[in-house]
Amino acid sequence: MLAERTNSIPTPTPIPPATPSPPLPPRAEMERASNARDASYDGVFFLAVTTTGIFCRPSCPAKKPRPENVRFFATAREAMFSGFRACLRCRPLEVGGAPPAWAGALLEELERDPAARLNDEALRRRGLEPARVRRFFQKEYGMTFHAFRRARRLGGALDAIRRGERAEDAGWDAGFESASGFRAAFERQFGGAPGRAAEADCVRLAWVESPVGPLLAGATEKGVALLDFTDRRALEKQLGTLRRRLGRPLVPGENEHLERLRAELGEYFAGERRDFSLPIDLAGTPFELAVWRGLLAIPYGETRSYEALALAVGRPGGQRAVGAANGRNRIAIVVPCHRVVNKSGELGGYGGGLWRKRFLLDLEQRHSGLFGG
């Protein structure tokens, strides 16, 4: 039903920022983190050296420049667009498939004990500045750490009630100190009382590793509803739109569709799958749905122009409208918006960055012959 591509990461192509930059920490905080080579700030900001024209991760082992020769950027793309090139020692353009160690430890702790009371003081005891934790979770999951923790607790309670546990017991196990407090929080999150948990649905959010960097995935009981790059500036807006369109809360957790997504993505990136068979839950206007279904019809290893896609969905001359709907696609790779290029053959735009688009297209073109087409 779907198709994809993958390969070794090509040289990234810089693109100008389309939306305001995410907020940076205070300069004094960034200077302290840089001087300490604090790897927990990797991905939070990048520093560029005006005397050498190079930009680095905060943890770069190279000799630190004088403060007056340093500029800070929220993303590697901004540094590149400002004329800086990537450091060959810390390789800031290389993407990893896992959160920073400190964030991974917090996520693991929440999985072991969703009711853990990780307030600001508890974070400080772990050597973590609450503001830094808040920024990371806001950027990667579209919610603060404490909202993430609360949603995880409620999601676990929802699952427990569906398995037959009494609502009161599920609330206690989730760390709520009173039945009334649990009931109020549950109703705010899911729009109904715990006794109606069987009717409640939500979008489960989880981190997915990939050769093109970490992705944030979301799935309802119907299917995958979200797959987007965590460094995409529009991610928070996408999450808000998804919440409104589906009318469901976003809750950290797992379900069978997310497990299947990981498996099929692994096969896709290994060059062993051209069509995705997992269920998807599309939510959009009739025109958006027509465009996204048009994307699903583009064969693996091939591309279409915006003009051709407009014709295919019955909107001749509607390239701009098609391009806008293409950019609002919330299920990257699986719904292959990367297969749409300019009529001239140039790549055009891509919310995840042109280097990722080239990576995916190269992958598919390289492996398309293995499937007999």
Protein backbone atom coordinates (compact mmCIF):
# COMPACT_ATOMS: atom_id res chain seq x y z
CA MET A 1 0.00 0.00 0.00
CA LEU A 2 3.02 2.23 0.48
CA ALA A 3 6.69 2.43 -0.60
CA GLU A 4 10.07 3.90 0.44
CA ARG A 5 13.91 4.29 0.03
CA THR A 6 17.23 4.66 2.00
CA ASN A 7 21.04 4.88 1.83
CA SER A 8 24.15 6.49 3.16
CA ILE A 9 23.62 10.10 4.21
CA PRO A 10 24.60 12.54 1.43
CA THR A 11 26.00 15.97 1.98
CA PRO A 12 23.13 18.01 3.46
CA THR A 13 21.75 20.91 1.45
CA PRO A 14 21.02 24.02 3.53
CA ILE A 15 17.61 25.65 3.26
CA PRO A 16 16.43 28.93 4.72
CA PRO A 17 14.27 28.76 7.82
CA ALA A 18 10.58 28.91 7.00
CA THR A 19 9.33 29.65 10.49
CA PRO A 20 10.70 31.45 13.54
CA SER A 21 13.57 29.70 15.26
CA PRO A 22 12.88 27.68 18.41
CA PRO A 23 13.99 29.63 21.50
CA LEU A 24 17.60 29.31 22.57
CA PRO A 25 18.73 29.04 26.19
CA PRO A 26 20.26 32.22 27.65
CA ARG A 27 23.69 32.96 26.19
CA ALA A 28 25.40 32.57 29.57
CA GLU A 29 23.90 29.08 29.92
CA MET A 30 25.06 28.12 26.43
CA GLU A 31 28.56 29.41 27.11
CA ARG A 32 28.73 27.38 30.33
CA ALA A 33 27.50 24.24 28.54
CA SER A 34 29.97 24.74 25.71
CA ASN A 35 32.92 25.34 28.03
CA ALA A 36 32.00 22.20 29.98
CA ARG A 37 31.50 20.22 26.74
CA ASP A 38 28.13 19.20 28.17
CA ALA A 39 26.73 16.56 25.78
CA SER A 40 23.25 16.95 27.31
CA TYR A 41 22.99 20.19 25.30
CA ASP A 42 23.76 18.49 21.98
CA GLY A 43 20.79 19.20 19.76
CA VAL A 44 19.58 22.05 21.98
CA PHE A 45 21.92 24.52 20.26
CA PHE A 46 24.95 24.71 17.95
CA LEU A 47 27.87 27.10 18.24
CA ALA A 48 29.61 28.63 15.24
CA VAL A 49 33.05 30.21 15.22
CA THR A 50 33.29 33.35 13.12
CA THR A 51 37.09 33.17 12.76
CA THR A 52 37.08 29.67 11.24
CA GLY A 53 33.62 29.48 9.61
CA ILE A 54 32.91 26.17 11.39
CA PHE A 55 29.97 25.15 13.59
CA CYS A 56 29.99 22.44 16.27
CA ARG A 57 28.03 20.57 18.89
CA PRO A 58 28.36 21.88 22.46
CA SER A 59 30.27 18.69 23.34
CA CYS A 60 32.90 19.15 20.62
CA PRO A 61 36.37 18.22 21.96
CA ALA A 62 38.08 20.95 19.93
CA LYS A 63 39.64 23.92 21.70
CA LYS A 64 36.96 26.40 22.69
CA PRO A 65 37.04 29.79 20.90
CA ARG A 66 36.92 33.19 22.53
CA PRO A 67 33.33 34.17 23.43
CA GLU A 68 33.34 37.22 21.15
CA ASN A 69 34.00 34.90 18.18
CA VAL A 70 31.02 32.64 18.83
CA ARG A 71 27.49 32.71 17.41
CA PHE A 72 24.75 30.36 18.60
CA PHE A 73 22.06 28.71 16.49
CA ALA A 74 19.03 26.61 17.36
CA THR A 75 19.51 24.22 14.44
CA ALA A 76 22.31 23.01 12.19
CA ARG A 77 20.30 24.24 9.20
CA GLU A 78 20.42 27.80 10.46
CA ALA A 79 24.19 27.62 10.95
CA MET A 80 24.65 26.28 7.43
CA PHE A 81 22.35 28.88 5.92
CA SER A 82 24.43 31.54 7.68
CA GLY A 83 27.51 30.34 5.83
CA PHE A 84 29.15 28.02 8.39
CA ARG A 85 30.37 24.51 7.58
CA ALA A 86 30.17 21.44 9.79
CA CYS A 87 33.05 20.53 12.11
CA LEU A 88 34.93 17.40 11.06
CA ARG A 89 35.62 16.39 14.67
CA CYS A 90 32.17 16.44 16.29
CA ARG A 91 30.24 16.02 12.99
CA PRO A 92 27.13 18.00 13.97
CA LEU A 93 25.24 16.92 10.84
CA GLU A 94 25.33 13.26 11.71
CA VAL A 95 22.01 12.22 13.17
CA GLY A 96 21.59 9.70 15.91
CA GLY A 97 18.67 7.40 16.54
CA ALA A 98 18.39 7.87 20.27
CA PRO A 99 17.67 10.72 22.67
CA PRO A 100 20.53 12.17 24.75
CA ALA A 101 21.63 9.88 27.57
CA TRP A 102 20.01 12.03 30.26
CA ALA A 103 16.68 12.10 28.40
CA GLY A 104 16.87 8.37 27.73
CA ALA A 105 17.40 7.74 31.44
CA LEU A 106 14.29 9.79 32.30
CA LEU A 107 12.21 7.94 29.71
CA GLU A 108 13.39 4.57 31.00
CA GLU A 109 12.57 5.58 34.57
CA LEU A 110 9.07 6.63 33.56
CA GLU A 111 8.55 3.31 31.77
CA ARG A 112 9.63 1.40 34.89
CA ASP A 113 7.58 3.59 37.21
CA PRO A 114 5.09 5.95 35.54
CA ALA A 115 4.06 7.19 39.00
CA ALA A 116 7.61 8.35 39.85
CA ARG A 117 7.49 11.86 41.34
CA LEU A 118 10.01 13.56 39.11
CA ASN A 119 9.33 17.18 40.06
CA ASP A 120 11.79 20.03 39.49
CA GLU A 121 13.64 19.31 42.72
CA ALA A 122 14.03 15.64 41.76
CA LEU A 123 15.44 16.72 38.39
CA ARG A 124 17.95 19.02 40.07
CA ARG A 125 19.10 16.16 42.31
CA ARG A 126 19.90 14.29 39.10
CA GLY A 127 21.99 17.22 37.91
CA LEU A 128 19.38 18.36 35.37
CA GLU A 129 18.18 21.91 34.98
CA PRO A 130 14.35 21.81 34.77
CA ALA A 131 14.27 24.50 32.06
CA ARG A 132 16.55 22.40 29.84
CA VAL A 133 14.39 19.31 30.38
CA ARG A 134 11.25 21.32 29.61
CA ARG A 135 12.72 22.66 26.34
CA PHE A 136 13.79 19.22 25.18
CA PHE A 137 10.41 17.59 25.77
CA GLN A 138 8.56 20.58 24.31
CA LYS A 139 10.66 20.36 21.17
CA GLU A 140 10.63 16.56 20.79
CA TYR A 141 7.13 15.67 22.03
CA GLY A 142 5.15 18.89 21.80
CA MET A 143 4.61 19.02 25.57
CA THR A 144 6.61 19.87 28.68
CA PHE A 145 8.25 17.10 30.69
CA HIS A 146 5.66 17.36 33.46
CA ALA A 147 2.81 17.23 30.91
CA PHE A 148 4.54 14.22 29.31
CA ARG A 149 4.82 12.51 32.70
CA ARG A 150 1.18 13.22 33.57
CA ALA A 151 -0.01 11.94 30.18
CA ARG A 152 2.09 8.78 30.60
CA ARG A 153 0.49 8.11 34.00
CA LEU A 154 -3.01 8.59 32.62
CA GLY A 155 -2.27 6.47 29.56
CA GLY A 156 -1.13 3.64 31.82
CA ALA A 157 -4.28 4.00 33.90
CA LEU A 158 -6.43 3.86 30.76
CA ASP A 159 -4.76 0.60 29.71
CA ALA A 160 -5.21 -0.87 33.20
CA ILE A 161 -8.93 -0.07 33.24
CA ARG A 162 -9.35 -1.63 29.81
CA ARG A 163 -7.68 -4.79 31.14
CA GLY A 164 -10.37 -4.99 33.80
CA GLU A 165 -8.75 -3.21 36.74
CA ARG A 166 -11.04 -1.06 38.86
CA ALA A 167 -10.76 2.65 38.02
CA GLU A 168 -9.99 3.54 41.65
CA ASP A 169 -7.12 1.02 41.79
CA ALA A 170 -5.76 2.17 38.43
CA GLY A 171 -5.69 5.73 39.73
CA TRP A 172 -3.79 4.76 42.87
CA ASP A 173 -1.30 2.70 40.85
CA ALA A 174 -0.74 5.69 38.56
CA GLY A 175 0.27 7.81 41.54
CA PHE A 176 -2.89 9.84 42.10
CA GLU A 177 -3.56 10.56 45.75
CA SER A 178 -7.35 10.74 45.55
CA ALA A 179 -10.12 9.23 43.47
CA SER A 180 -11.54 12.68 42.75
CA GLY A 181 -8.17 13.98 41.57
CA PHE A 182 -7.73 10.99 39.27
CA ARG A 183 -11.25 11.33 37.91
CA ALA A 184 -10.79 15.03 37.17
CA ALA A 185 -7.42 14.48 35.45
CA PHE A 186 -8.81 11.55 33.45
CA GLU A 187 -11.79 13.56 32.25
CA ARG A 188 -9.58 16.48 31.21
CA GLN A 189 -7.28 14.18 29.26
CA PHE A 190 -9.79 11.82 27.64
CA GLY A 191 -13.04 13.78 27.69
CA GLY A 192 -14.94 11.23 29.78
CA ALA A 193 -15.06 9.51 33.15
CA PRO A 194 -12.78 6.53 33.92
CA GLY A 195 -15.84 4.28 33.85
CA ARG A 196 -16.10 4.96 30.11
CA ALA A 197 -12.49 4.05 29.41
CA ALA A 198 -13.48 1.38 26.90
CA GLU A 199 -14.82 4.16 24.68
CA ALA A 200 -11.78 6.41 25.06
CA ASP A 201 -9.11 6.57 22.40
CA CYS A 202 -5.94 8.60 22.26
CA VAL A 203 -2.90 9.10 20.08
CA ARG A 204 -0.01 7.09 21.51
CA LEU A 205 3.31 8.88 21.02
CA ALA A 206 6.67 7.13 20.88
CA TRP A 207 10.24 7.69 19.71
CA VAL A 208 11.33 5.75 16.61
CA GLU A 209 14.98 5.38 15.64
CA SER A 210 16.01 5.57 11.98
CA PRO A 211 19.05 6.13 9.75
CA VAL A 212 17.77 9.65 9.04
CA GLY A 213 17.45 10.60 12.67
CA PRO A 214 14.89 10.11 15.41
CA LEU A 215 11.23 10.34 14.49
CA LEU A 216 8.17 10.98 16.62
CA ALA A 217 5.44 8.48 15.83
CA GLY A 218 1.81 8.51 16.88
CA ALA A 219 -0.91 5.91 16.51
CA THR A 220 -4.56 5.54 17.40
CA GLU A 221 -6.38 2.25 17.72
CA LYS A 222 -7.15 2.58 14.01
CA GLY A 223 -3.57 2.97 12.77
CA VAL A 224 -0.50 5.18 12.49
CA ALA A 225 -1.48 8.86 12.49
CA LEU A 226 1.90 10.57 12.82
CA LEU A 227 5.51 10.07 11.73
CA ASP A 228 7.62 13.20 11.70
CA PHE A 229 11.21 14.29 12.22
CA THR A 230 11.83 15.54 15.73
CA ASP A 231 13.95 18.46 14.53
CA ARG A 232 11.29 19.76 12.19
CA ARG A 233 10.21 23.27 13.16
CA ALA A 234 6.59 22.59 12.27
CA LEU A 235 6.35 19.53 14.52
CA GLU A 236 4.62 21.30 17.40
CA LYS A 237 2.09 22.78 14.99
CA GLN A 238 1.54 19.33 13.45
CA LEU A 239 0.85 17.88 16.88
CA GLY A 240 -1.69 20.58 17.62
CA THR A 241 -3.42 20.02 14.28
CA LEU A 242 -3.47 16.26 14.83
CA ARG A 243 -5.01 16.71 18.28
CA ARG A 244 -7.76 18.92 16.83
CA ARG A 245 -8.45 16.83 13.73
CA LEU A 246 -8.75 13.54 15.59
CA GLY A 247 -10.32 15.05 18.69
CA ARG A 248 -8.11 12.87 20.86
CA PRO A 249 -5.41 13.64 23.44
CA LEU A 250 -1.74 12.86 22.83
CA VAL A 251 -0.41 10.34 25.34
CA PRO A 252 3.09 8.82 25.55
CA GLY A 253 2.93 5.05 25.15
CA GLU A 254 2.98 2.13 22.76
CA ASN A 255 0.51 0.06 20.81
CA GLU A 256 0.58 -2.68 18.17
CA HIS A 257 0.62 -0.21 15.28
CA LEU A 258 3.77 1.48 16.57
CA GLU A 259 5.48 -1.88 16.98
CA ARG A 260 4.55 -2.78 13.41
CA LEU A 261 5.72 0.62 12.19
CA ARG A 262 9.18 0.05 13.65
CA ALA A 263 9.40 -3.36 12.02
CA GLU A 264 8.30 -2.16 8.57
CA LEU A 265 10.53 0.92 8.71
CA GLY A 266 13.47 -1.33 9.55
CA GLU A 267 12.75 -3.43 6.48
CA TYR A 268 12.31 -0.33 4.34
CA PHE A 269 15.63 1.20 5.37
CA ALA A 270 17.34 -2.17 4.83
CA GLY A 271 16.06 -2.18 1.24
CA GLU A 272 13.82 -5.18 1.95
CA ARG A 273 10.40 -3.51 1.69
CA ARG A 274 8.88 -1.27 -0.95
CA ASP A 275 5.25 -1.24 0.17
CA PHE A 276 4.02 -0.52 3.68
CA SER A 277 1.11 -2.67 4.77
CA LEU A 278 0.45 -1.20 8.21
CA PRO A 279 -2.88 0.59 8.80
CA ILE A 280 -2.82 4.37 8.80
CA ASP A 281 -5.23 6.89 10.27
CA LEU A 282 -5.35 9.93 7.98
CA ALA A 283 -7.13 13.02 9.23
CA GLY A 284 -7.51 16.02 6.93
CA THR A 285 -9.78 18.00 4.67
CA PRO A 286 -11.21 16.23 1.59
CA PHE A 287 -8.60 17.94 -0.59
CA GLU A 288 -5.74 17.00 1.73
CA LEU A 289 -6.93 13.40 1.82
CA ALA A 290 -7.04 13.33 -2.00
CA VAL A 291 -3.46 14.63 -2.19
CA TRP A 292 -2.18 12.18 0.42
CA ARG A 293 -3.85 9.26 -1.36
CA GLY A 294 -2.24 10.53 -4.54
CA LEU A 295 1.12 10.30 -2.78
CA LEU A 296 0.39 6.69 -1.83
CA ALA A 297 -0.14 5.92 -5.51
CA ILE A 298 3.38 7.03 -6.55
CA PRO A 299 5.39 3.82 -7.10
CA TYR A 300 8.52 3.03 -5.13
CA GLY A 301 11.63 4.30 -6.89
CA GLU A 302 9.72 6.91 -8.91
CA THR A 303 8.89 10.60 -8.54
CA ARG A 304 6.11 12.89 -9.70
CA SER A 305 6.04 16.62 -10.26
CA TYR A 306 3.66 18.86 -8.37
CA GLU A 307 1.94 19.50 -11.69
CA ALA A 308 1.47 15.78 -12.35
CA LEU A 309 0.15 15.23 -8.84
CA ALA A 310 -2.31 18.10 -9.27
CA LEU A 311 -3.62 16.48 -12.46
CA ALA A 312 -3.87 13.10 -10.72
CA VAL A 313 -6.09 14.51 -7.97
CA GLY A 314 -8.31 16.43 -10.39
CA ARG A 315 -6.87 19.89 -9.78
CA PRO A 316 -5.05 20.87 -13.01
CA GLY A 317 -3.10 24.06 -12.42
CA GLY A 318 -3.34 23.57 -8.67
CA GLN A 319 0.35 22.94 -8.06
CA ARG A 320 0.60 25.42 -5.21
CA ALA A 321 -2.41 24.02 -3.39
CA VAL A 322 -1.05 20.51 -3.89
CA GLY A 323 2.36 21.59 -2.61
CA ALA A 324 0.80 23.08 0.53
CA ALA A 325 -1.21 19.91 1.20
CA ASN A 326 1.91 17.86 0.55
CA GLY A 327 3.73 19.88 3.22
CA ARG A 328 0.94 19.20 5.72
CA ASN A 329 1.36 15.43 5.41
CA ARG A 330 1.85 14.14 8.97
CA ILE A 331 3.02 10.60 8.12
CA ALA A 332 6.44 11.02 6.55
CA ILE A 333 8.04 8.19 4.53
CA VAL A 334 4.98 5.94 4.81
CA VAL A 335 2.90 8.52 2.95
CA PRO A 336 5.75 9.35 0.56
CA CYS A 337 5.68 13.11 0.15
CA HIS A 338 9.41 12.88 -0.57
CA ARG A 339 8.56 11.50 -4.04
CA VAL A 340 7.21 14.84 -5.24
CA VAL A 341 9.77 17.06 -7.02
CA ASN A 342 9.80 20.18 -9.17
CA LYS A 343 8.91 19.86 -12.84
CA SER A 344 12.56 20.63 -13.67
CA GLY A 345 13.64 17.57 -11.70
CA GLU A 346 15.07 19.58 -8.81
CA LEU A 347 14.15 18.31 -5.38
CA GLY A 348 12.01 21.25 -4.28
CA GLY A 349 11.16 21.60 -0.61
CA TYR A 350 10.89 19.05 2.18
CA GLY A 351 9.93 19.64 5.80
CA GLY A 352 12.54 17.20 7.04
CA GLY A 353 15.35 18.88 5.11
CA LEU A 354 16.50 18.36 1.53
CA TRP A 355 19.31 16.05 2.61
CA ARG A 356 16.73 13.61 3.98
CA LYS A 357 14.68 13.84 0.80
CA ARG A 358 17.77 13.01 -1.27
CA PHE A 359 18.63 10.17 1.12
CA LEU A 360 15.17 8.59 0.73
CA LEU A 361 15.06 8.99 -3.04
CA ASP A 362 18.56 7.57 -3.46
CA LEU A 363 17.63 4.63 -1.26
CA GLU A 364 14.54 3.80 -3.28
CA GLN A 365 16.23 4.24 -6.63
CA ARG A 366 19.10 2.01 -5.57
CA HIS A 367 16.86 -0.79 -4.38
CA SER A 368 13.95 -0.54 -6.84
CA GLY A 369 15.47 -3.12 -9.18
CA LEU A 370 15.51 -5.71 -6.41
CA PHE A 371 11.71 -5.84 -6.53
CA GLY A 372 11.50 -6.47 -10.23
CA GLY A 373 10.33 -2.98 -11.15
